[in-house]
Structure formats: C-alpha cells, structure tokens
Amino acid sequence: MKYTAVSLYRKMMDCALKEGMDMAYFNSLKTPYKDLNSLKAVPAEEFFELHERLDDMLGPGFSVRVGQQMKIEDYGVLGLSWRTCSYVGEIFERSERYFKMLSNTYVFKVEKGNPFSVIHLLREPHRRGLELSNEATLSATVVVLRAMTESNISPVQVSFKHSAPSDISSYESAFNCPIHFNQQDYSITYTTADLEMRTAKADESINHFLVQRVEEETKGMEISANRIARDCENLIIDALPSGIPSIHHIAGLMGMSNRTLARRLAENGVSFRDLIQKAQESIAIDLLKNTSRSIAEIAFETGFSEQSAFNRAFRRWTDQTPIEFRNQQ
C-alpha cells in the first residue's frame, strides 16, 4: 500500500475548514483529524478520496486553492533541502533525486529550452483524486518558487491532461497565465531565466561571503586558510542534497578558480575531498542521533545516489551500519 505524508492530508483538511467545512466531518473519516498528531503518513487512496469528496463539496478549483496554501515546511525533508538550493531550478533536480532514491520513480522532469523550460509532472492519474492532487502540486509550485526567490515570478503556461471543470476562476487566480486542458501531460512552463535565478538564501549567504572578501582584500588583508575551509564546508553542506558538488561549482560560488581554492585548502592541511567526507559524516551522525528521519532520507541529505552506497560509507567511517549506530544512541 502506498502512503502520503500526513502534513499534506492535514493541509487539505485545514483549507476545507477555512472554507466552511465542519470539524465533525473530518473526525468521522477512516483516518480522523484528531489522530493526525500521532501519524506520519496516511494511505494514498484515502488522500485521493478526500480530494474527490472536497472537490464535490467545495466546488471546482479546491485542489488549486489548497496548493496556494502550501508552505515549504509542509514537504518535510525535501522542503528543508529546497531552502539551501543555490538557484530556482535546483528545486526540481533535488525533487528528482529524492523521489528516485526513496521510491525509484521520477516525479518532476525539467526540459530546458531557450527561452522557456517545461517542468513535467510525471504522475499518471489512475483516479480523479490523483488528477486533483496533480492540480494542487502545480499550484504549490507557483507558491514555492515565489517563496524561494522572494519575488513575484509567474509561469508562462500550465497544462493538464484532464478536462476543464465548469469554473476555472481559481485556476486563473493561482497561475495568472494561459491554462490548457486535455493536453498530453501535466506541466508548468517558466522562462529559463527565471529557473536560473538565484534563490533568496543563496544570494544572502554568498553575497555576504563575497562582500567580506572584497572588504578584506581592499584593506590589504588575505582571508585565512582556516576561514576559507570553513566557508567551503558550509557551501558543501548546502549543496549535498543535489549530489556531491564539484570543486568547480563551489569555487565559482566563492569567486575563486578551482586551482586557487585547492591551494588555499591545502594551506589549511585539507583537500576538497576531505571536506566533502567530513561534511557527509558530520551530517549523517547528527541526523541519526537527533532525528527520526529514515536511512534513505539521510542518504539523500548527504549526497549519496543510493542508500547502499551510504551504508558502505558509514560503515567505513564508524565501523557500524547506520542502524547499528542509531540503536546505540
């Protein structure tokens, strides 16, 4: 049986309550509202069934309105990883890695072009509730990208495989662009320039580093090798959910050439690969000790492409498997 995160199930109920539904209705369901605090997931078929019921009771576009209420933290570990993306399109790359690792499936696939890029939602609907869930996902995409950039970027086109409902006013309000139904796939299109835009956090942290560097160089000072190693490690930690970053990527963020960064790290007695391993090991140990995240989620956050590779690396670091280490805490 497949499951859906309880945060998404609760969000749907909360939106329906705001639109006038009675709490008694949700406490009469097979998985009632009053039990949600003790759960991590609900059966996917119950989730889709609730989508169908609420669309019937609250009118066309309810799922789109739910999507507009989504927040990054509603997506759990995946959402947390989005906060450290360096550019907008990286959100979808991390989503691809996350779902591929945890379920061996793709959910998003980005088709880059000039001047537009199409983000395909690869979730074939086997029932109407999944069609509605796809609507909520595309609607939430608009909200998440705006939150990540702290700007009002909008899609240029949205496509749905299913037929148009009787009222599309909620769709027009959410997407603010041409909306097409009865299409070949579910997709949302942005300008490629928007997907390449720096995220707000990336701009803030990287700009802070670069400003400090310019100030120190202006005063005839050279940043210490220890400081460069620390900043490099922090950028590696942010990048790991997208996979192991290259020295080229990190050096570019730090305004250096690959050779300069490697030389400055060597001055501190470390290599770029040393910092990668140190970051992976420290993140893994912290998450195993202090969170209940699954081993697969921790493997994702530490940049591994397979859980088995993470297990082998962790045993090499600690002489224990991740599960053995967690059970001893």
Protein backbone atom coordinates (compact mmCIF):
# COMPACT_ATOMS: atom_id res chain seq x y z
CA MET A 1 0.00 0.00 0.00
CA LYS A 2 1.33 3.46 -0.90
CA TYR A 3 1.22 6.32 1.59
CA THR A 4 1.09 10.12 1.56
CA ALA A 5 2.70 12.43 4.13
CA VAL A 6 0.26 13.35 6.89
CA SER A 7 1.21 17.04 6.51
CA LEU A 8 -0.40 17.10 3.04
CA TYR A 9 -3.54 15.34 4.30
CA ARG A 10 -3.83 17.81 7.19
CA LYS A 11 -3.26 20.79 4.88
CA MET A 12 -6.22 19.73 2.75
CA MET A 13 -8.44 19.48 5.83
CA ASP A 14 -7.28 22.84 7.19
CA CYS A 15 -8.08 24.55 3.88
CA ALA A 16 -11.53 22.95 3.83
CA LEU A 17 -12.17 24.12 7.42
CA LYS A 18 -11.31 27.68 6.34
CA GLU A 19 -13.85 27.33 3.52
CA GLY A 20 -16.64 26.39 5.94
CA MET A 21 -16.42 22.62 6.46
CA ASP A 22 -17.25 21.26 9.92
CA MET A 23 -14.57 19.54 12.02
CA ALA A 24 -17.05 16.77 12.86
CA TYR A 25 -16.90 15.63 9.23
CA PHE A 26 -13.12 15.16 9.33
CA ASN A 27 -13.27 13.32 12.64
CA SER A 28 -15.70 10.83 11.08
CA LEU A 29 -13.20 9.73 8.42
CA LYS A 30 -11.29 6.45 8.47
CA THR A 31 -8.18 8.48 9.38
CA PRO A 32 -9.71 11.26 11.51
CA TYR A 33 -8.26 14.71 12.10
CA LYS A 34 -7.96 14.09 15.85
CA ASP A 35 -5.47 11.25 15.24
CA LEU A 36 -3.14 13.09 12.89
CA ASN A 37 -0.62 14.19 15.53
CA SER A 38 0.33 10.56 16.13
CA LEU A 39 0.78 9.70 12.43
CA LYS A 40 3.47 10.30 9.82
CA ALA A 41 1.53 9.13 6.78
CA VAL A 42 -1.92 8.11 5.58
CA PRO A 43 -2.89 5.61 2.86
CA ALA A 44 -2.64 7.33 -0.52
CA GLU A 45 -6.07 6.09 -1.59
CA GLU A 46 -7.66 7.83 1.43
CA PHE A 47 -5.81 11.01 0.46
CA PHE A 48 -7.10 10.85 -3.12
CA GLU A 49 -10.62 10.02 -1.96
CA LEU A 50 -10.65 13.08 0.26
CA HIS A 51 -9.54 15.21 -2.70
CA GLU A 52 -12.56 13.91 -4.63
CA ARG A 53 -15.04 14.47 -1.81
CA LEU A 54 -13.88 18.01 -1.08
CA ASP A 55 -13.90 18.97 -4.75
CA ASP A 56 -17.53 17.83 -4.92
CA MET A 57 -18.49 19.66 -1.73
CA LEU A 58 -16.49 22.88 -2.11
CA GLY A 59 -16.55 23.30 -5.85
CA PRO A 60 -14.09 23.25 -8.76
CA GLY A 61 -10.61 24.51 -8.02
CA PHE A 62 -10.46 23.43 -4.38
CA SER A 63 -7.24 21.48 -5.02
CA VAL A 64 -5.71 24.52 -6.69
CA ARG A 65 -6.67 26.61 -3.66
CA VAL A 66 -5.01 24.02 -1.39
CA GLY A 67 -1.84 24.33 -3.45
CA GLN A 68 -1.85 28.07 -2.90
CA GLN A 69 -1.75 27.49 0.87
CA MET A 70 1.26 25.17 0.83
CA LYS A 71 4.44 26.18 2.63
CA ILE A 72 7.93 24.82 2.12
CA GLU A 73 7.94 23.15 5.56
CA ASP A 74 4.86 21.11 4.58
CA TYR A 75 7.16 18.98 2.38
CA GLY A 76 9.30 17.64 5.22
CA VAL A 77 12.90 16.67 4.45
CA LEU A 78 12.51 17.53 0.77
CA GLY A 79 11.21 21.00 1.65
CA LEU A 80 14.08 21.57 4.07
CA SER A 81 16.51 20.71 1.31
CA TRP A 82 14.93 23.29 -1.01
CA ARG A 83 15.92 26.07 1.39
CA THR A 84 19.60 25.59 0.57
CA CYS A 85 19.23 25.49 -3.23
CA SER A 86 21.50 27.96 -4.96
CA TYR A 87 19.17 28.60 -7.91
CA VAL A 88 15.46 28.05 -8.61
CA GLY A 89 15.65 25.08 -11.00
CA GLU A 90 17.71 23.14 -8.47
CA ILE A 91 14.46 22.58 -6.55
CA PHE A 92 13.31 20.19 -9.27
CA GLU A 93 16.70 18.49 -9.51
CA ARG A 94 16.56 17.77 -5.78
CA SER A 95 12.99 16.52 -6.12
CA GLU A 96 14.11 14.13 -8.87
CA ARG A 97 16.92 12.78 -6.65
CA TYR A 98 14.65 12.50 -3.61
CA PHE A 99 11.87 10.53 -5.26
CA LYS A 100 14.27 8.40 -7.28
CA MET A 101 16.09 7.40 -4.10
CA LEU A 102 13.01 6.80 -1.94
CA SER A 103 10.65 5.25 -4.48
CA ASN A 104 12.67 4.54 -7.64
CA THR A 105 10.37 6.86 -9.62
CA TYR A 106 10.61 10.31 -11.11
CA VAL A 107 8.02 12.94 -10.27
CA PHE A 108 9.47 16.03 -11.94
CA LYS A 109 11.49 16.23 -15.13
CA VAL A 110 12.77 19.54 -16.45
CA GLU A 111 13.04 20.06 -20.21
CA LYS A 112 15.32 23.07 -20.62
CA GLY A 113 14.98 25.31 -23.63
CA ASN A 114 15.56 28.85 -24.79
CA PRO A 115 13.76 30.99 -23.76
CA PHE A 116 11.38 28.58 -21.96
CA SER A 117 11.76 25.47 -19.80
CA VAL A 118 8.98 22.96 -19.21
CA ILE A 119 8.64 21.17 -15.86
CA HIS A 120 6.79 17.91 -16.45
CA LEU A 121 4.85 16.32 -13.59
CA LEU A 122 5.21 12.59 -14.29
CA ARG A 123 2.35 11.22 -12.22
CA GLU A 124 -0.20 9.36 -14.32
CA PRO A 125 -3.68 9.57 -12.76
CA HIS A 126 -5.46 6.28 -12.10
CA ARG A 127 -8.39 8.10 -10.50
CA ARG A 128 -9.85 11.57 -10.28
CA GLY A 129 -8.28 12.19 -6.87
CA LEU A 130 -4.82 11.91 -8.40
CA GLU A 131 -5.79 14.40 -11.11
CA LEU A 132 -6.80 16.80 -8.34
CA SER A 133 -3.58 16.11 -6.43
CA ASN A 134 -1.62 16.97 -9.58
CA GLU A 135 -3.52 20.26 -9.74
CA ALA A 136 -2.51 21.00 -6.14
CA THR A 137 1.13 20.16 -6.89
CA LEU A 138 1.36 22.52 -9.88
CA SER A 139 -0.42 25.24 -7.91
CA ALA A 140 2.00 24.77 -4.99
CA THR A 141 4.93 25.03 -7.41
CA VAL A 142 4.00 28.66 -8.08
CA VAL A 143 3.93 29.43 -4.35
CA VAL A 144 7.21 27.63 -3.56
CA LEU A 145 9.17 29.32 -6.36
CA ARG A 146 7.95 32.74 -5.25
CA ALA A 147 8.92 31.99 -1.65
CA MET A 148 12.37 30.75 -2.70
CA THR A 149 13.10 33.86 -4.75
CA GLU A 150 11.12 36.36 -2.66
CA SER A 151 9.83 37.65 -5.98
CA ASN A 152 6.60 37.54 -7.94
CA ILE A 153 7.79 35.22 -10.73
CA SER A 154 4.95 33.52 -12.61
CA PRO A 155 4.65 30.63 -15.07
CA VAL A 156 4.04 31.36 -18.74
CA GLN A 157 1.80 28.32 -19.32
CA VAL A 158 0.19 25.43 -17.41
CA SER A 159 -1.14 22.18 -18.91
CA PHE A 160 -3.45 19.49 -17.53
CA LYS A 161 -4.29 16.11 -19.05
CA HIS A 162 -7.88 16.11 -17.81
CA SER A 163 -10.83 18.18 -18.99
CA ALA A 164 -11.59 21.67 -17.73
CA PRO A 165 -14.01 21.97 -14.78
CA SER A 166 -17.13 24.09 -15.00
CA ASP A 167 -15.44 27.02 -13.24
CA ILE A 168 -11.73 27.83 -13.76
CA SER A 169 -11.62 31.09 -11.80
CA SER A 170 -9.43 29.54 -9.05
CA TYR A 171 -7.00 28.34 -11.72
CA GLU A 172 -6.79 31.77 -13.33
CA SER A 173 -6.14 33.40 -9.96
CA ALA A 174 -3.44 30.90 -8.96
CA PHE A 175 -1.48 30.67 -12.21
CA ASN A 176 -2.07 34.05 -13.85
CA CYS A 177 -1.12 32.66 -17.27
CA PRO A 178 -2.68 30.67 -20.14
CA ILE A 179 -4.15 27.37 -18.85
CA HIS A 180 -4.67 24.40 -21.17
CA PHE A 181 -6.74 21.27 -20.52
CA ASN A 182 -6.91 17.94 -22.40
CA GLN A 183 -3.17 18.08 -23.04
CA GLN A 184 -0.61 15.27 -23.41
CA ASP A 185 0.83 15.74 -19.94
CA TYR A 186 0.80 17.73 -16.71
CA SER A 187 3.34 20.52 -16.92
CA ILE A 188 4.16 24.06 -15.92
CA THR A 189 6.38 26.31 -18.03
CA TYR A 190 8.69 29.11 -16.83
CA THR A 191 11.22 31.22 -18.61
CA THR A 192 14.63 29.57 -18.37
CA ALA A 193 15.97 32.84 -16.96
CA ASP A 194 13.57 32.55 -14.01
CA LEU A 195 14.66 28.97 -13.30
CA GLU A 196 18.29 30.10 -13.34
CA MET A 197 17.59 32.90 -10.86
CA ARG A 198 19.47 32.77 -7.56
CA THR A 199 17.34 31.84 -4.57
CA ALA A 200 16.98 34.44 -1.83
CA LYS A 201 19.03 32.44 0.69
CA ALA A 202 21.81 31.77 -1.81
CA ASP A 203 22.04 35.44 -2.67
CA GLU A 204 22.14 36.40 1.00
CA SER A 205 24.80 33.90 2.14
CA ILE A 206 27.02 34.07 -0.94
CA ASN A 207 26.84 37.84 -1.19
CA HIS A 208 27.76 38.11 2.50
CA PHE A 209 30.86 36.00 1.88
CA LEU A 210 31.87 37.93 -1.24
CA VAL A 211 31.34 41.33 0.41
CA GLN A 212 33.55 40.31 3.34
CA ARG A 213 36.19 39.06 0.93
CA VAL A 214 36.19 42.31 -1.05
CA GLU A 215 36.45 44.36 2.17
CA GLU A 216 39.39 42.32 3.43
CA GLU A 217 41.24 42.45 0.12
CA THR A 218 40.63 46.21 -0.09
CA LYS A 219 42.32 46.58 3.30
CA GLY A 220 45.27 44.53 2.08
CA MET A 221 44.30 41.51 4.17
CA GLU A 222 44.10 37.92 2.98
CA ILE A 223 41.37 35.66 4.25
CA SER A 224 42.83 32.91 6.43
CA ALA A 225 43.01 29.41 5.02
CA ASN A 226 41.03 28.24 8.04
CA ARG A 227 38.21 30.66 7.24
CA ILE A 228 38.15 29.58 3.59
CA ALA A 229 37.94 25.92 4.60
CA ARG A 230 35.04 26.69 6.95
CA ASP A 231 33.14 28.68 4.32
CA CYS A 232 33.81 25.99 1.74
CA GLU A 233 32.47 23.30 4.05
CA ASN A 234 29.28 25.31 4.72
CA LEU A 235 28.66 25.65 0.97
CA ILE A 236 29.27 21.91 0.53
CA ILE A 237 26.68 21.14 3.23
CA ASP A 238 24.11 23.31 1.44
CA ALA A 239 24.86 21.63 -1.89
CA LEU A 240 24.84 17.96 -0.83
CA PRO A 241 21.08 17.28 -1.34
CA SER A 242 21.72 17.90 -5.04
CA GLY A 243 24.51 15.31 -5.03
CA ILE A 244 28.23 15.64 -4.32
CA PRO A 245 29.24 19.11 -5.59
CA SER A 246 32.26 19.64 -7.81
CA ILE A 247 35.14 21.88 -6.77
CA HIS A 248 34.29 23.94 -9.87
CA HIS A 249 30.79 24.62 -8.51
CA ILE A 250 31.94 25.59 -5.00
CA ALA A 251 34.91 27.65 -6.24
CA GLY A 252 32.55 29.56 -8.53
CA LEU A 253 30.29 30.40 -5.58
CA MET A 254 33.32 31.62 -3.65
CA GLY A 255 34.60 33.76 -6.51
CA MET A 256 37.76 31.71 -6.97
CA SER A 257 39.31 29.44 -9.58
CA ASN A 258 39.48 25.71 -8.89
CA ARG A 259 43.26 25.95 -8.51
CA THR A 260 43.10 28.84 -6.04
CA LEU A 261 40.55 27.11 -3.84
CA ALA A 262 42.53 23.85 -3.86
CA ARG A 263 45.72 25.75 -2.94
CA ARG A 264 44.06 27.67 -0.09
CA LEU A 265 42.56 24.47 1.31
CA ALA A 266 45.99 22.79 1.12
CA GLU A 267 47.36 25.67 3.20
CA ASN A 268 44.94 24.52 5.91
CA GLY A 269 46.05 20.91 5.53
CA VAL A 270 42.87 19.63 3.85
CA SER A 271 41.66 18.77 0.38
CA PHE A 272 38.28 19.42 -1.19
CA ARG A 273 37.54 15.69 -0.97
CA ASP A 274 38.41 15.78 2.76
CA LEU A 275 35.78 18.47 3.29
CA ILE A 276 33.18 16.51 1.33
CA GLN A 277 33.70 13.44 3.52
CA LYS A 278 33.80 15.49 6.73
CA ALA A 279 30.50 17.19 5.83
CA GLN A 280 28.83 13.89 4.90
CA GLU A 281 29.97 12.16 8.07
CA SER A 282 29.00 15.00 10.43
CA ILE A 283 25.56 15.43 8.84
CA ALA A 284 24.88 11.69 8.92
CA ILE A 285 25.89 11.30 12.58
CA ASP A 286 23.86 14.33 13.64
CA LEU A 287 20.71 13.17 11.82
CA LEU A 288 20.99 9.61 13.10
CA LYS A 289 21.42 10.87 16.67
CA ASN A 290 18.90 13.69 16.75
CA THR A 291 16.15 12.93 14.24
CA SER A 292 13.84 10.07 13.26
CA ARG A 293 14.50 10.51 9.54
CA SER A 294 14.74 7.33 7.53
CA ILE A 295 18.11 6.00 6.37
CA ALA A 296 17.11 6.76 2.78
CA GLU A 297 16.32 10.38 3.67
CA ILE A 298 19.68 10.76 5.42
CA ALA A 299 21.43 9.26 2.40
CA PHE A 300 19.65 11.87 0.25
CA GLU A 301 20.71 14.74 2.52
CA THR A 302 24.33 13.60 2.49
CA GLY A 303 24.58 13.48 -1.31
CA PHE A 304 24.51 9.74 -1.97
CA SER A 305 22.69 8.40 -5.01
CA GLU A 306 21.89 5.05 -3.39
CA GLN A 307 21.17 4.01 0.18
CA SER A 308 23.53 1.05 -0.16
CA ALA A 309 26.43 3.39 -1.00
CA PHE A 310 25.62 5.45 2.08
CA ASN A 311 25.56 2.31 4.25
CA ARG A 312 29.01 1.27 2.99
CA ALA A 313 30.47 4.74 3.55
CA PHE A 314 29.02 4.99 7.05
CA ARG A 315 30.49 1.63 8.00
CA ARG A 316 33.86 2.83 6.69
CA TRP A 317 33.62 5.94 8.89
CA THR A 318 32.37 4.33 12.10
CA ASP A 319 32.76 0.52 11.77
CA GLN A 320 28.97 0.34 12.20
CA THR A 321 25.94 0.36 9.94
CA PRO A 322 23.63 3.39 10.26
CA ILE A 323 21.01 1.23 12.00
CA GLU A 324 23.54 -0.19 14.49
CA PHE A 325 24.75 3.33 15.25
CA ARG A 326 21.21 4.66 15.77
CA ASN A 327 20.20 1.74 18.00
CA GLN A 328 23.11 2.50 20.35
CA GLN A 329 22.05 6.10 20.91
